[in-house]
Amino acid sequence: MAKVPTKETIKRRTISDMKKLGVHKSQYNRLIDIYSELVHQYLTLNEKFEEGEYEVQVFTAAGGAKKSPIVATLENLRKDILAYSDRLCLNPKSLENVTAEKESKSKLAGVLSRLE
């Protein structure tokens, strides 16, 4: 079983992905922190879910069955991760609606880069 990446690893990868997509700004780092924590929690709980042999139901004291708490938590985390990934433009649908800002070079930088 693969090791769950740390929150910091997830954060670095997220920032790297956002930079490649041209949508990263340092002002988003607080949202990226929350997103990274959610992804870390999801991966950690998913690993426990796998270890529990994917138990999807638990039995109540009354003898009935209900959704396992870990399944409910995973579902909520998935929804939260999706919402944050939309805000951070990390999925194709949200990226369609965004115009990424390109860093514009000054005229001097453009001339100097052609001299190399």
PDB file of N, CA and C in Angstrom:
ATOM      1  N   MET A   1       0.845  -1.176   0.000  1.00  0.00           N
ATOM      2  CA  MET A   1       0.000   0.000   0.000  1.00  0.00           C
ATOM      3  C   MET A   1       0.892   1.242   0.000  1.00  0.00           C
ATOM      4  N   ALA A   2       0.560   2.199  -0.806  1.00  0.00           N
ATOM      5  CA  ALA A   2       1.353   3.420  -0.916  1.00  0.00           C
ATOM      6  C   ALA A   2       1.214   4.261   0.352  1.00  0.00           C
ATOM      7  N   LYS A   3       2.295   4.924   0.695  1.00  0.00           N
ATOM      8  CA  LYS A   3       2.306   5.793   1.868  1.00  0.00           C
ATOM      9  C   LYS A   3       1.530   7.072   1.562  1.00  0.00           C
ATOM     10  N   VAL A   4       0.755   7.525   2.523  1.00  0.00           N
ATOM     11  CA  VAL A   4      -0.015   8.758   2.362  1.00  0.00           C
ATOM     12  C   VAL A   4       0.947   9.943   2.398  1.00  0.00           C
ATOM     13  N   PRO A   5       0.901  10.810   1.384  1.00  0.00           N
ATOM     14  CA  PRO A   5       1.799  11.976   1.388  1.00  0.00           C
ATOM     15  C   PRO A   5       1.444  12.929   2.523  1.00  0.00           C
ATOM     16  N   THR A   6       2.432  13.667   2.980  1.00  0.00           N
ATOM     17  CA  THR A   6       2.197  14.638   4.041  1.00  0.00           C
ATOM     18  C   THR A   6       1.410  15.822   3.506  1.00  0.00           C
ATOM     19  N   LYS A   7       0.866  16.597   4.433  1.00  0.00           N
ATOM     20  CA  LYS A   7       0.129  17.797   4.040  1.00  0.00           C
ATOM     21  C   LYS A   7       1.042  18.747   3.275  1.00  0.00           C
ATOM     22  N   GLU A   8       2.290  18.877   3.699  1.00  0.00           N
ATOM     23  CA  GLU A   8       3.235  19.774   3.024  1.00  0.00           C
ATOM     24  C   GLU A   8       3.537  19.307   1.601  1.00  0.00           C
ATOM     25  N   THR A   9       3.656  17.996   1.411  1.00  0.00           N
ATOM     26  CA  THR A   9       3.896  17.454   0.074  1.00  0.00           C
ATOM     27  C   THR A   9       2.704  17.757  -0.832  1.00  0.00           C
ATOM     28  N   ILE A  10       1.516  17.570  -0.309  1.00  0.00           N
ATOM     29  CA  ILE A  10       0.303  17.852  -1.076  1.00  0.00           C
ATOM     30  C   ILE A  10       0.245  19.337  -1.421  1.00  0.00           C
ATOM     31  N   LYS A  11       0.612  20.174  -0.461  1.00  0.00           N
ATOM     32  CA  LYS A  11       0.602  21.630  -0.689  1.00  0.00           C
ATOM     33  C   LYS A  11       1.594  22.013  -1.784  1.00  0.00           C
ATOM     34  N   ARG A  12       2.818  21.478  -1.721  1.00  0.00           N
ATOM     35  CA  ARG A  12       3.828  21.794  -2.743  1.00  0.00           C
ATOM     36  C   ARG A  12       3.371  21.342  -4.125  1.00  0.00           C
ATOM     37  N   ARG A  13       2.798  20.151  -4.204  1.00  0.00           N
ATOM     38  CA  ARG A  13       2.314  19.642  -5.493  1.00  0.00           C
ATOM     39  C   ARG A  13       1.163  20.493  -6.026  1.00  0.00           C
ATOM     40  N   THR A  14       0.282  20.912  -5.129  1.00  0.00           N
ATOM     41  CA  THR A  14      -0.851  21.738  -5.532  1.00  0.00           C
ATOM     42  C   THR A  14      -0.370  23.070  -6.091  1.00  0.00           C
ATOM     43  N   ILE A  15       0.560  23.702  -5.384  1.00  0.00           N
ATOM     44  CA  ILE A  15       1.104  24.977  -5.860  1.00  0.00           C
ATOM     45  C   ILE A  15       1.802  24.787  -7.202  1.00  0.00           C
ATOM     46  N   SER A  16       2.556  23.702  -7.332  1.00  0.00           N
ATOM     47  CA  SER A  16       3.238  23.410  -8.591  1.00  0.00           C
ATOM     48  C   SER A  16       2.229  23.236  -9.726  1.00  0.00           C
ATOM     49  N   ASP A  17       1.167  22.484  -9.465  1.00  0.00           N
ATOM     50  CA  ASP A  17       0.134  22.269 -10.476  1.00  0.00           C
ATOM     51  C   ASP A  17      -0.534  23.589 -10.859  1.00  0.00           C
ATOM     52  N   MET A  18      -0.817  24.419  -9.871  1.00  0.00           N
ATOM     53  CA  MET A  18      -1.463  25.700 -10.152  1.00  0.00           C
ATOM     54  C   MET A  18      -0.550  26.610 -10.963  1.00  0.00           C
ATOM     55  N   LYS A  19       0.741  26.573 -10.672  1.00  0.00           N
ATOM     56  CA  LYS A  19       1.683  27.394 -11.443  1.00  0.00           C
ATOM     57  C   LYS A  19       1.736  26.924 -12.889  1.00  0.00           C
ATOM     58  N   LYS A  20       1.721  25.605 -13.095  1.00  0.00           N
ATOM     59  CA  LYS A  20       1.734  25.071 -14.458  1.00  0.00           C
ATOM     60  C   LYS A  20       0.481  25.479 -15.228  1.00  0.00           C
ATOM     61  N   LEU A  21      -0.641  25.588 -14.507  1.00  0.00           N
ATOM     62  CA  LEU A  21      -1.894  25.995 -15.140  1.00  0.00           C
ATOM     63  C   LEU A  21      -2.007  27.510 -15.271  1.00  0.00           C
ATOM     64  N   GLY A  22      -1.090  28.241 -14.654  1.00  0.00           N
ATOM     65  CA  GLY A  22      -1.107  29.697 -14.718  1.00  0.00           C
ATOM     66  C   GLY A  22      -2.161  30.345 -13.843  1.00  0.00           C
ATOM     67  N   VAL A  23      -2.551  29.674 -12.750  1.00  0.00           N
ATOM     68  CA  VAL A  23      -3.610  30.214 -11.889  1.00  0.00           C
ATOM     69  C   VAL A  23      -3.169  30.447 -10.452  1.00  0.00           C
ATOM     70  N   HIS A  24      -1.890  30.286 -10.149  1.00  0.00           N
ATOM     71  CA  HIS A  24      -1.434  30.453  -8.760  1.00  0.00           C
ATOM     72  C   HIS A  24      -1.135  31.904  -8.429  1.00  0.00           C
ATOM     73  N   LYS A  25      -1.588  32.297  -7.246  1.00  0.00           N
ATOM     74  CA  LYS A  25      -1.243  33.581  -6.650  1.00  0.00           C
ATOM     75  C   LYS A  25      -0.963  33.298  -5.175  1.00  0.00           C
ATOM     76  N   SER A  26      -0.014  34.007  -4.609  1.00  0.00           N
ATOM     77  CA  SER A  26       0.342  33.749  -3.206  1.00  0.00           C
ATOM     78  C   SER A  26      -0.836  34.025  -2.263  1.00  0.00           C
ATOM     79  N   GLN A  27      -1.769  34.851  -2.685  1.00  0.00           N
ATOM     80  CA  GLN A  27      -2.938  35.140  -1.856  1.00  0.00           C
ATOM     81  C   GLN A  27      -3.816  33.908  -1.653  1.00  0.00           C
ATOM     82  N   TYR A  28      -3.657  32.896  -2.491  1.00  0.00           N
ATOM     83  CA  TYR A  28      -4.467  31.679  -2.390  1.00  0.00           C
ATOM     84  C   TYR A  28      -3.888  30.675  -1.399  1.00  0.00           C
ATOM     85  N   ASN A  29      -2.746  30.959  -0.805  1.00  0.00           N
ATOM     86  CA  ASN A  29      -2.061  29.964   0.017  1.00  0.00           C
ATOM     87  C   ASN A  29      -2.867  29.496   1.223  1.00  0.00           C
ATOM     88  N   ARG A  30      -3.704  30.359   1.805  1.00  0.00           N
ATOM     89  CA  ARG A  30      -4.550  29.901   2.916  1.00  0.00           C
ATOM     90  C   ARG A  30      -5.569  28.874   2.435  1.00  0.00           C
ATOM     91  N   LEU A  31      -6.151  29.112   1.271  1.00  0.00           N
ATOM     92  CA  LEU A  31      -7.083  28.130   0.706  1.00  0.00           C
ATOM     93  C   LEU A  31      -6.353  26.837   0.357  1.00  0.00           C
ATOM     94  N   ILE A  32      -5.132  26.978  -0.144  1.00  0.00           N
ATOM     95  CA  ILE A  32      -4.336  25.796  -0.490  1.00  0.00           C
ATOM     96  C   ILE A  32      -4.015  24.997   0.763  1.00  0.00           C
ATOM     97  N   ASP A  33      -3.764  25.672   1.896  1.00  0.00           N
ATOM     98  CA  ASP A  33      -3.533  24.976   3.173  1.00  0.00           C
ATOM     99  C   ASP A  33      -4.737  24.125   3.552  1.00  0.00           C
ATOM    100  N   ILE A  34      -5.916  24.719   3.457  1.00  0.00           N
ATOM    101  CA  ILE A  34      -7.141  23.992   3.814  1.00  0.00           C
ATOM    102  C   ILE A  34      -7.352  22.827   2.859  1.00  0.00           C
ATOM    103  N   TYR A  35      -7.195  23.089   1.569  1.00  0.00           N
ATOM    104  CA  TYR A  35      -7.336  22.034   0.557  1.00  0.00           C
ATOM    105  C   TYR A  35      -6.362  20.888   0.829  1.00  0.00           C
ATOM    106  N   SER A  36      -5.122  21.216   1.135  1.00  0.00           N
ATOM    107  CA  SER A  36      -4.102  20.199   1.398  1.00  0.00           C
ATOM    108  C   SER A  36      -4.463  19.357   2.613  1.00  0.00           C
ATOM    109  N   GLU A  37      -4.977  20.003   3.643  1.00  0.00           N
ATOM    110  CA  GLU A  37      -5.403  19.281   4.846  1.00  0.00           C
ATOM    111  C   GLU A  37      -6.557  18.335   4.531  1.00  0.00           C
ATOM    112  N   LEU A  38      -7.525  18.806   3.746  1.00  0.00           N
ATOM    113  CA  LEU A  38      -8.661  17.967   3.363  1.00  0.00           C
ATOM    114  C   LEU A  38      -8.206  16.746   2.564  1.00  0.00           C
ATOM    115  N   VAL A  39      -7.303  16.957   1.616  1.00  0.00           N
ATOM    116  CA  VAL A  39      -6.804  15.843   0.806  1.00  0.00           C
ATOM    117  C   VAL A  39      -6.034  14.862   1.684  1.00  0.00           C
ATOM    118  N   HIS A  40      -5.228  15.380   2.599  1.00  0.00           N
ATOM    119  CA  HIS A  40      -4.477  14.508   3.516  1.00  0.00           C
ATOM    120  C   HIS A  40      -5.427  13.682   4.381  1.00  0.00           C
ATOM    121  N   GLN A  41      -6.449  14.323   4.937  1.00  0.00           N
ATOM    122  CA  GLN A  41      -7.442  13.601   5.741  1.00  0.00           C
ATOM    123  C   GLN A  41      -8.142  12.535   4.911  1.00  0.00           C
ATOM    124  N   TYR A  42      -8.512  12.890   3.691  1.00  0.00           N
ATOM    125  CA  TYR A  42      -9.196  11.941   2.813  1.00  0.00           C
ATOM    126  C   TYR A  42      -8.322  10.719   2.549  1.00  0.00           C
ATOM    127  N   LEU A  43      -7.063  10.948   2.193  1.00  0.00           N
ATOM    128  CA  LEU A  43      -6.168   9.834   1.884  1.00  0.00           C
ATOM    129  C   LEU A  43      -5.913   8.962   3.108  1.00  0.00           C
ATOM    130  N   THR A  44      -5.779   9.587   4.278  1.00  0.00           N
ATOM    131  CA  THR A  44      -5.559   8.843   5.516  1.00  0.00           C
ATOM    132  C   THR A  44      -6.781   7.993   5.860  1.00  0.00           C
ATOM    133  N   LEU A  45      -7.975   8.591   5.794  1.00  0.00           N
ATOM    134  CA  LEU A  45      -9.195   7.844   6.089  1.00  0.00           C
ATOM    135  C   LEU A  45      -9.459   6.759   5.058  1.00  0.00           C
ATOM    136  N   ASN A  46      -9.147   7.036   3.805  1.00  0.00           N
ATOM    137  CA  ASN A  46      -9.350   6.037   2.770  1.00  0.00           C
ATOM    138  C   ASN A  46      -8.460   4.816   3.012  1.00  0.00           C
ATOM    139  N   GLU A  47      -7.243   5.061   3.486  1.00  0.00           N
ATOM    140  CA  GLU A  47      -6.346   3.958   3.816  1.00  0.00           C
ATOM    141  C   GLU A  47      -6.926   3.118   4.956  1.00  0.00           C
ATOM    142  N   LYS A  48      -7.498   3.774   5.975  1.00  0.00           N
ATOM    143  CA  LYS A  48      -8.130   3.048   7.086  1.00  0.00           C
ATOM    144  C   LYS A  48      -9.354   2.279   6.594  1.00  0.00           C
ATOM    145  N   PHE A  49     -10.089   2.873   5.653  1.00  0.00           N
ATOM    146  CA  PHE A  49     -11.258   2.220   5.077  1.00  0.00           C
ATOM    147  C   PHE A  49     -10.840   0.942   4.348  1.00  0.00           C
ATOM    148  N   GLU A  50      -9.742   1.017   3.601  1.00  0.00           N
ATOM    149  CA  GLU A  50      -9.215  -0.163   2.912  1.00  0.00           C
ATOM    150  C   GLU A  50      -8.794  -1.230   3.916  1.00  0.00           C
ATOM    151  N   GLU A  51      -8.116  -0.812   4.982  1.00  0.00           N
ATOM    152  CA  GLU A  51      -7.665  -1.756   6.012  1.00  0.00           C
ATOM    153  C   GLU A  51      -8.850  -2.427   6.698  1.00  0.00           C
ATOM    154  N   GLY A  52      -9.970  -1.719   6.794  1.00  0.00           N
ATOM    155  CA  GLY A  52     -11.192  -2.263   7.387  1.00  0.00           C
ATOM    156  C   GLY A  52     -11.990  -3.086   6.401  1.00  0.00           C
ATOM    157  N   GLU A  53     -11.363  -3.444   5.302  1.00  0.00           N
ATOM    158  CA  GLU A  53     -11.970  -4.263   4.246  1.00  0.00           C
ATOM    159  C   GLU A  53     -13.260  -3.643   3.707  1.00  0.00           C
ATOM    160  N   TYR A  54     -13.237  -2.335   3.545  1.00  0.00           N
ATOM    161  CA  TYR A  54     -14.323  -1.588   2.925  1.00  0.00           C
ATOM    162  C   TYR A  54     -15.677  -1.835   3.596  1.00  0.00           C
ATOM    163  N   GLU A  55     -15.699  -1.795   4.908  1.00  0.00           N
ATOM    164  CA  GLU A  55     -16.943  -1.980   5.640  1.00  0.00           C
ATOM    165  C   GLU A  55     -17.826  -0.755   5.416  1.00  0.00           C
ATOM    166  N   VAL A  56     -18.938  -0.944   4.705  1.00  0.00           N
ATOM    167  CA  VAL A  56     -19.791   0.188   4.336  1.00  0.00           C
ATOM    168  C   VAL A  56     -20.996   0.349   5.255  1.00  0.00           C
ATOM    169  N   GLN A  57     -21.297  -0.671   6.028  1.00  0.00           N
ATOM    170  CA  GLN A  57     -22.436  -0.590   6.938  1.00  0.00           C
ATOM    171  C   GLN A  57     -22.018  -1.020   8.341  1.00  0.00           C
ATOM    172  N   VAL A  58     -22.650  -0.413   9.316  1.00  0.00           N
ATOM    173  CA  VAL A  58     -22.506  -0.835  10.710  1.00  0.00           C
ATOM    174  C   VAL A  58     -23.903  -1.106  11.236  1.00  0.00           C
ATOM    175  N   PHE A  59     -23.956  -1.950  12.223  1.00  0.00           N
ATOM    176  CA  PHE A  59     -25.257  -2.309  12.776  1.00  0.00           C
ATOM    177  C   PHE A  59     -25.535  -1.494  14.026  1.00  0.00           C
ATOM    178  N   THR A  60     -26.786  -1.058  14.145  1.00  0.00           N
ATOM    179  CA  THR A  60     -27.199  -0.244  15.282  1.00  0.00           C
ATOM    180  C   THR A  60     -27.609  -1.143  16.432  1.00  0.00           C
ATOM    181  N   ALA A  61     -27.793  -0.539  17.601  1.00  0.00           N
ATOM    182  CA  ALA A  61     -28.228  -1.291  18.778  1.00  0.00           C
ATOM    183  C   ALA A  61     -29.619  -1.874  18.574  1.00  0.00           C
ATOM    184  N   ALA A  62     -30.415  -1.219  17.736  1.00  0.00           N
ATOM    185  CA  ALA A  62     -31.770  -1.695  17.456  1.00  0.00           C
ATOM    186  C   ALA A  62     -31.781  -2.852  16.460  1.00  0.00           C
ATOM    187  N   GLY A  63     -30.627  -3.215  15.938  1.00  0.00           N
ATOM    188  CA  GLY A  63     -30.549  -4.333  15.014  1.00  0.00           C
ATOM    189  C   GLY A  63     -30.581  -3.947  13.550  1.00  0.00           C
ATOM    190  N   GLY A  64     -30.750  -2.689  13.248  1.00  0.00           N
ATOM    191  CA  GLY A  64     -30.754  -2.229  11.869  1.00  0.00           C
ATOM    192  C   GLY A  64     -29.335  -1.931  11.393  1.00  0.00           C
ATOM    193  N   ALA A  65     -29.236  -1.558  10.156  1.00  0.00           N
ATOM    194  CA  ALA A  65     -27.923  -1.213   9.583  1.00  0.00           C
ATOM    195  C   ALA A  65     -27.947   0.243   9.131  1.00  0.00           C
ATOM    196  N   LYS A  66     -26.808   0.885   9.242  1.00  0.00           N
ATOM    197  CA  LYS A  66     -26.679   2.254   8.753  1.00  0.00           C
ATOM    198  C   LYS A  66     -25.311   2.417   8.100  1.00  0.00           C
ATOM    199  N   LYS A  67     -25.167   3.514   7.384  1.00  0.00           N
ATOM    200  CA  LYS A  67     -23.908   3.800   6.698  1.00  0.00           C
ATOM    201  C   LYS A  67     -22.794   3.931   7.733  1.00  0.00           C
ATOM    202  N   SER A  68     -21.672   3.335   7.425  1.00  0.00           N
ATOM    203  CA  SER A  68     -20.503   3.423   8.293  1.00  0.00           C
ATOM    204  C   SER A  68     -20.080   4.882   8.446  1.00  0.00           C
ATOM    205  N   PRO A  69     -19.694   5.310   9.658  1.00  0.00           N
ATOM    206  CA  PRO A  69     -19.252   6.698   9.849  1.00  0.00           C
ATOM    207  C   PRO A  69     -18.076   7.072   8.945  1.00  0.00           C
ATOM    208  N   ILE A  70     -17.174   6.141   8.691  1.00  0.00           N
ATOM    209  CA  ILE A  70     -16.028   6.455   7.835  1.00  0.00           C
ATOM    210  C   ILE A  70     -16.469   6.712   6.394  1.00  0.00           C
ATOM    211  N   VAL A  71     -17.496   6.005   5.944  1.00  0.00           N
ATOM    212  CA  VAL A  71     -18.024   6.219   4.590  1.00  0.00           C
ATOM    213  C   VAL A  71     -18.655   7.607   4.496  1.00  0.00           C
ATOM    214  N   ALA A  72     -19.430   7.978   5.503  1.00  0.00           N
ATOM    215  CA  ALA A  72     -20.057   9.300   5.513  1.00  0.00           C
ATOM    216  C   ALA A  72     -18.998  10.403   5.533  1.00  0.00           C
ATOM    217  N   THR A  73     -17.949  10.205   6.327  1.00  0.00           N
ATOM    218  CA  THR A  73     -16.876  11.198   6.396  1.00  0.00           C
ATOM    219  C   THR A  73     -16.155  11.307   5.062  1.00  0.00           C
ATOM    220  N   LEU A  74     -15.860  10.176   4.427  1.00  0.00           N
ATOM    221  CA  LEU A  74     -15.200  10.192   3.115  1.00  0.00           C
ATOM    222  C   LEU A  74     -16.057  10.922   2.075  1.00  0.00           C
ATOM    223  N   GLU A  75     -17.361  10.686   2.107  1.00  0.00           N
ATOM    224  CA  GLU A  75     -18.260  11.367   1.160  1.00  0.00           C
ATOM    225  C   GLU A  75     -18.219  12.879   1.367  1.00  0.00           C
ATOM    226  N   ASN A  76     -18.260  13.312   2.626  1.00  0.00           N
ATOM    227  CA  ASN A  76     -18.213  14.752   2.912  1.00  0.00           C
ATOM    228  C   ASN A  76     -16.873  15.356   2.502  1.00  0.00           C
ATOM    229  N   LEU A  77     -15.793  14.635   2.754  1.00  0.00           N
ATOM    230  CA  LEU A  77     -14.478  15.127   2.346  1.00  0.00           C
ATOM    231  C   LEU A  77     -14.387  15.250   0.829  1.00  0.00           C
ATOM    232  N   ARG A  78     -14.942  14.288   0.101  1.00  0.00           N
ATOM    233  CA  ARG A  78     -14.936  14.363  -1.364  1.00  0.00           C
ATOM    234  C   ARG A  78     -15.641  15.624  -1.843  1.00  0.00           C
ATOM    235  N   LYS A  79     -16.795  15.925  -1.254  1.00  0.00           N
ATOM    236  CA  LYS A  79     -17.540  17.132  -1.636  1.00  0.00           C
ATOM    237  C   LYS A  79     -16.741  18.386  -1.322  1.00  0.00           C
ATOM    238  N   ASP A  80     -16.119  18.424  -0.148  1.00  0.00           N
ATOM    239  CA  ASP A  80     -15.320  19.590   0.232  1.00  0.00           C
ATOM    240  C   ASP A  80     -14.111  19.755  -0.681  1.00  0.00           C
ATOM    241  N   ILE A  81     -13.442  18.650  -0.984  1.00  0.00           N
ATOM    242  CA  ILE A  81     -12.273  18.696  -1.866  1.00  0.00           C
ATOM    243  C   ILE A  81     -12.682  19.197  -3.247  1.00  0.00           C
ATOM    244  N   LEU A  82     -13.809  18.731  -3.733  1.00  0.00           N
ATOM    245  CA  LEU A  82     -14.295  19.192  -5.034  1.00  0.00           C
ATOM    246  C   LEU A  82     -14.573  20.692  -5.017  1.00  0.00           C
ATOM    247  N   ALA A  83     -15.192  21.172  -3.953  1.00  0.00           N
ATOM    248  CA  ALA A  83     -15.487  22.607  -3.852  1.00  0.00           C
ATOM    249  C   ALA A  83     -14.196  23.427  -3.840  1.00  0.00           C
ATOM    250  N   TYR A  84     -13.212  22.995  -3.062  1.00  0.00           N
ATOM    251  CA  TYR A  84     -11.947  23.726  -3.014  1.00  0.00           C
ATOM    252  C   TYR A  84     -11.189  23.615  -4.336  1.00  0.00           C
ATOM    253  N   SER A  85     -11.216  22.436  -4.965  1.00  0.00           N
ATOM    254  CA  SER A  85     -10.514  22.288  -6.244  1.00  0.00           C
ATOM    255  C   SER A  85     -11.146  23.180  -7.305  1.00  0.00           C
ATOM    256  N   ASP A  86     -12.456  23.396  -7.216  1.00  0.00           N
ATOM    257  CA  ASP A  86     -13.117  24.343  -8.122  1.00  0.00           C
ATOM    258  C   ASP A  86     -12.587  25.754  -7.897  1.00  0.00           C
ATOM    259  N   ARG A  87     -12.519  26.168  -6.651  1.00  0.00           N
ATOM    260  CA  ARG A  87     -12.059  27.522  -6.322  1.00  0.00           C
ATOM    261  C   ARG A  87     -10.597  27.734  -6.720  1.00  0.00           C
ATOM    262  N   LEU A  88      -9.805  26.671  -6.633  1.00  0.00           N
ATOM    263  CA  LEU A  88      -8.381  26.773  -6.960  1.00  0.00           C
ATOM    264  C   LEU A  88      -8.094  26.456  -8.425  1.00  0.00           C
ATOM    265  N   CYS A  89      -9.150  26.217  -9.213  1.00  0.00           N
ATOM    266  CA  CYS A  89      -9.038  25.933 -10.654  1.00  0.00           C
ATOM    267  C   CYS A  89      -8.183  24.699 -10.929  1.00  0.00           C
ATOM    268  N   LEU A  90      -8.414  23.654 -10.160  1.00  0.00           N
ATOM    269  CA  LEU A  90      -7.623  22.432 -10.299  1.00  0.00           C
ATOM    270  C   LEU A  90      -8.363  21.324 -11.034  1.00  0.00           C
ATOM    271  N   ASN A  91      -9.517  21.628 -11.580  1.00  0.00           N
ATOM    272  CA  ASN A  91     -10.192  20.611 -12.376  1.00  0.00           C
ATOM    273  C   ASN A  91     -10.612  21.224 -13.711  1.00  0.00           C
ATOM    274  N   PRO A  92     -10.804  20.393 -14.710  1.00  0.00           N
ATOM    275  CA  PRO A  92     -11.061  20.902 -16.067  1.00  0.00           C
ATOM    276  C   PRO A  92     -12.276  21.816 -16.176  1.00  0.00           C
ATOM    277  N   LYS A  93     -13.343  21.504 -15.460  1.00  0.00           N
ATOM    278  CA  LYS A  93     -14.568  22.300 -15.586  1.00  0.00           C
ATOM    279  C   LYS A  93     -14.360  23.716 -15.067  1.00  0.00           C
ATOM    280  N   SER A  94     -13.700  23.852 -13.920  1.00  0.00           N
ATOM    281  CA  SER A  94     -13.489  25.198 -13.374  1.00  0.00           C
ATOM    282  C   SER A  94     -12.457  25.970 -14.184  1.00  0.00           C
ATOM    283  N   LEU A  95     -11.506  25.267 -14.766  1.00  0.00           N
ATOM    284  CA  LEU A  95     -10.466  25.927 -15.547  1.00  0.00           C
ATOM    285  C   LEU A  95     -11.019  26.514 -16.850  1.00  0.00           C
ATOM    286  N   GLU A  96     -12.121  25.926 -17.365  1.00  0.00           N
ATOM    287  CA  GLU A  96     -12.745  26.441 -18.587  1.00  0.00           C
ATOM    288  C   GLU A  96     -13.244  27.871 -18.400  1.00  0.00           C
ATOM    289  N   ASN A  97     -13.643  28.213 -17.178  1.00  0.00           N
ATOM    290  CA  ASN A  97     -14.267  29.503 -16.903  1.00  0.00           C
ATOM    291  C   ASN A  97     -13.281  30.568 -16.435  1.00  0.00           C
ATOM    292  N   VAL A  98     -11.989  30.256 -16.464  1.00  0.00           N
ATOM    293  CA  VAL A  98     -10.993  31.173 -15.926  1.00  0.00           C
ATOM    294  C   VAL A  98     -10.038  31.604 -17.027  1.00  0.00           C
ATOM    295  N   THR A  99      -9.692  32.860 -16.990  1.00  0.00           N
ATOM    296  CA  THR A  99      -8.654  33.364 -17.876  1.00  0.00           C
ATOM    297  C   THR A  99      -7.399  33.512 -17.037  1.00  0.00           C
ATOM    298  N   ALA A 100      -6.434  32.655 -17.282  1.00  0.00           N
ATOM    299  CA  ALA A 100      -5.194  32.701 -16.511  1.00  0.00           C
ATOM    300  C   ALA A 100      -4.398  33.934 -16.886  1.00  0.00           C
ATOM    301  N   GLU A 101      -3.835  34.563 -15.872  1.00  0.00           N
ATOM    302  CA  GLU A 101      -3.013  35.747 -16.117  1.00  0.00           C
ATOM    303  C   GLU A 101      -1.616  35.315 -16.512  1.00  0.00           C
ATOM    304  N   LYS A 102      -1.142  35.831 -17.583  1.00  0.00           N
ATOM    305  CA  LYS A 102       0.222  35.562 -18.036  1.00  0.00           C
ATOM    306  C   LYS A 102       1.100  36.690 -17.529  1.00  0.00           C
ATOM    307  N   GLU A 103       2.297  36.324 -17.063  1.00  0.00           N
ATOM    308  CA  GLU A 103       3.227  37.360 -16.644  1.00  0.00           C
ATOM    309  C   GLU A 103       3.741  38.063 -17.893  1.00  0.00           C
ATOM    310  N   SER A 104       3.527  39.357 -17.945  1.00  0.00           N
ATOM    311  CA  SER A 104       3.983  40.092 -19.117  1.00  0.00           C
ATOM    312  C   SER A 104       5.396  40.599 -18.872  1.00  0.00           C
ATOM    313  N   LYS A 105       6.218  40.449 -19.874  1.00  0.00           N
ATOM    314  CA  LYS A 105       7.588  40.936 -19.792  1.00  0.00           C
ATOM    315  C   LYS A 105       7.609  42.406 -20.181  1.00  0.00           C
ATOM    316  N   SER A 106       8.497  43.109 -19.545  1.00  0.00           N
ATOM    317  CA  SER A 106       8.671  44.502 -19.948  1.00  0.00           C
ATOM    318  C   SER A 106       9.351  44.516 -21.314  1.00  0.00           C
ATOM    319  N   LYS A 107       9.306  45.642 -21.978  1.00  0.00           N
ATOM    320  CA  LYS A 107       9.953  45.745 -23.290  1.00  0.00           C
ATOM    321  C   LYS A 107      11.447  45.514 -23.168  1.00  0.00           C
ATOM    322  N   LEU A 108      12.037  46.016 -22.089  1.00  0.00           N
ATOM    323  CA  LEU A 108      13.467  45.840 -21.863  1.00  0.00           C
ATOM    324  C   LEU A 108      13.803  44.366 -21.671  1.00  0.00           C
ATOM    325  N   ALA A 109      13.003  43.649 -20.890  1.00  0.00           N
ATOM    326  CA  ALA A 109      13.241  42.222 -20.669  1.00  0.00           C
ATOM    327  C   ALA A 109      13.119  41.442 -21.973  1.00  0.00           C
ATOM    328  N   GLY A 110      12.171  41.838 -22.817  1.00  0.00           N
ATOM    329  CA  GLY A 110      12.001  41.187 -24.108  1.00  0.00           C
ATOM    330  C   GLY A 110      13.214  41.375 -25.006  1.00  0.00           C
ATOM    331  N   VAL A 111      13.728  42.588 -25.039  1.00  0.00           N
ATOM    332  CA  VAL A 111      14.911  42.879 -25.865  1.00  0.00           C
ATOM    333  C   VAL A 111      16.120  42.129 -25.328  1.00  0.00           C
ATOM    334  N   LEU A 112      16.304  42.148 -24.016  1.00  0.00           N
ATOM    335  CA  LEU A 112      17.457  41.455 -23.408  1.00  0.00           C
ATOM    336  C   LEU A 112      17.401  39.950 -23.621  1.00  0.00           C
ATOM    337  N   SER A 113      16.196  39.361 -23.571  1.00  0.00           N
ATOM    338  CA  SER A 113      16.087  37.916 -23.765  1.00  0.00           C
ATOM    339  C   SER A 113      16.435  37.510 -25.196  1.00  0.00           C
ATOM    340  N   ARG A 114      16.220  38.413 -26.166  1.00  0.00           N
ATOM    341  CA  ARG A 114      16.568  38.113 -27.552  1.00  0.00           C
ATOM    342  C   ARG A 114      18.063  38.225 -27.808  1.00  0.00           C
ATOM    343  N   LEU A 115      18.774  38.915 -26.942  1.00  0.00           N
ATOM    344  CA  LEU A 115      20.214  39.094 -27.103  1.00  0.00           C
ATOM    345  C   LEU A 115      21.017  37.841 -26.692  1.00  0.00           C
ATOM    346  N   GLU A 116      20.427  36.967 -25.956  1.00  0.00           N
ATOM    347  CA  GLU A 116      21.148  35.794 -25.441  1.00  0.00           C
ATOM    348  C   GLU A 116      21.483  34.804 -26.498  1.00  0.00           C
TER     349      GLU A 116
END
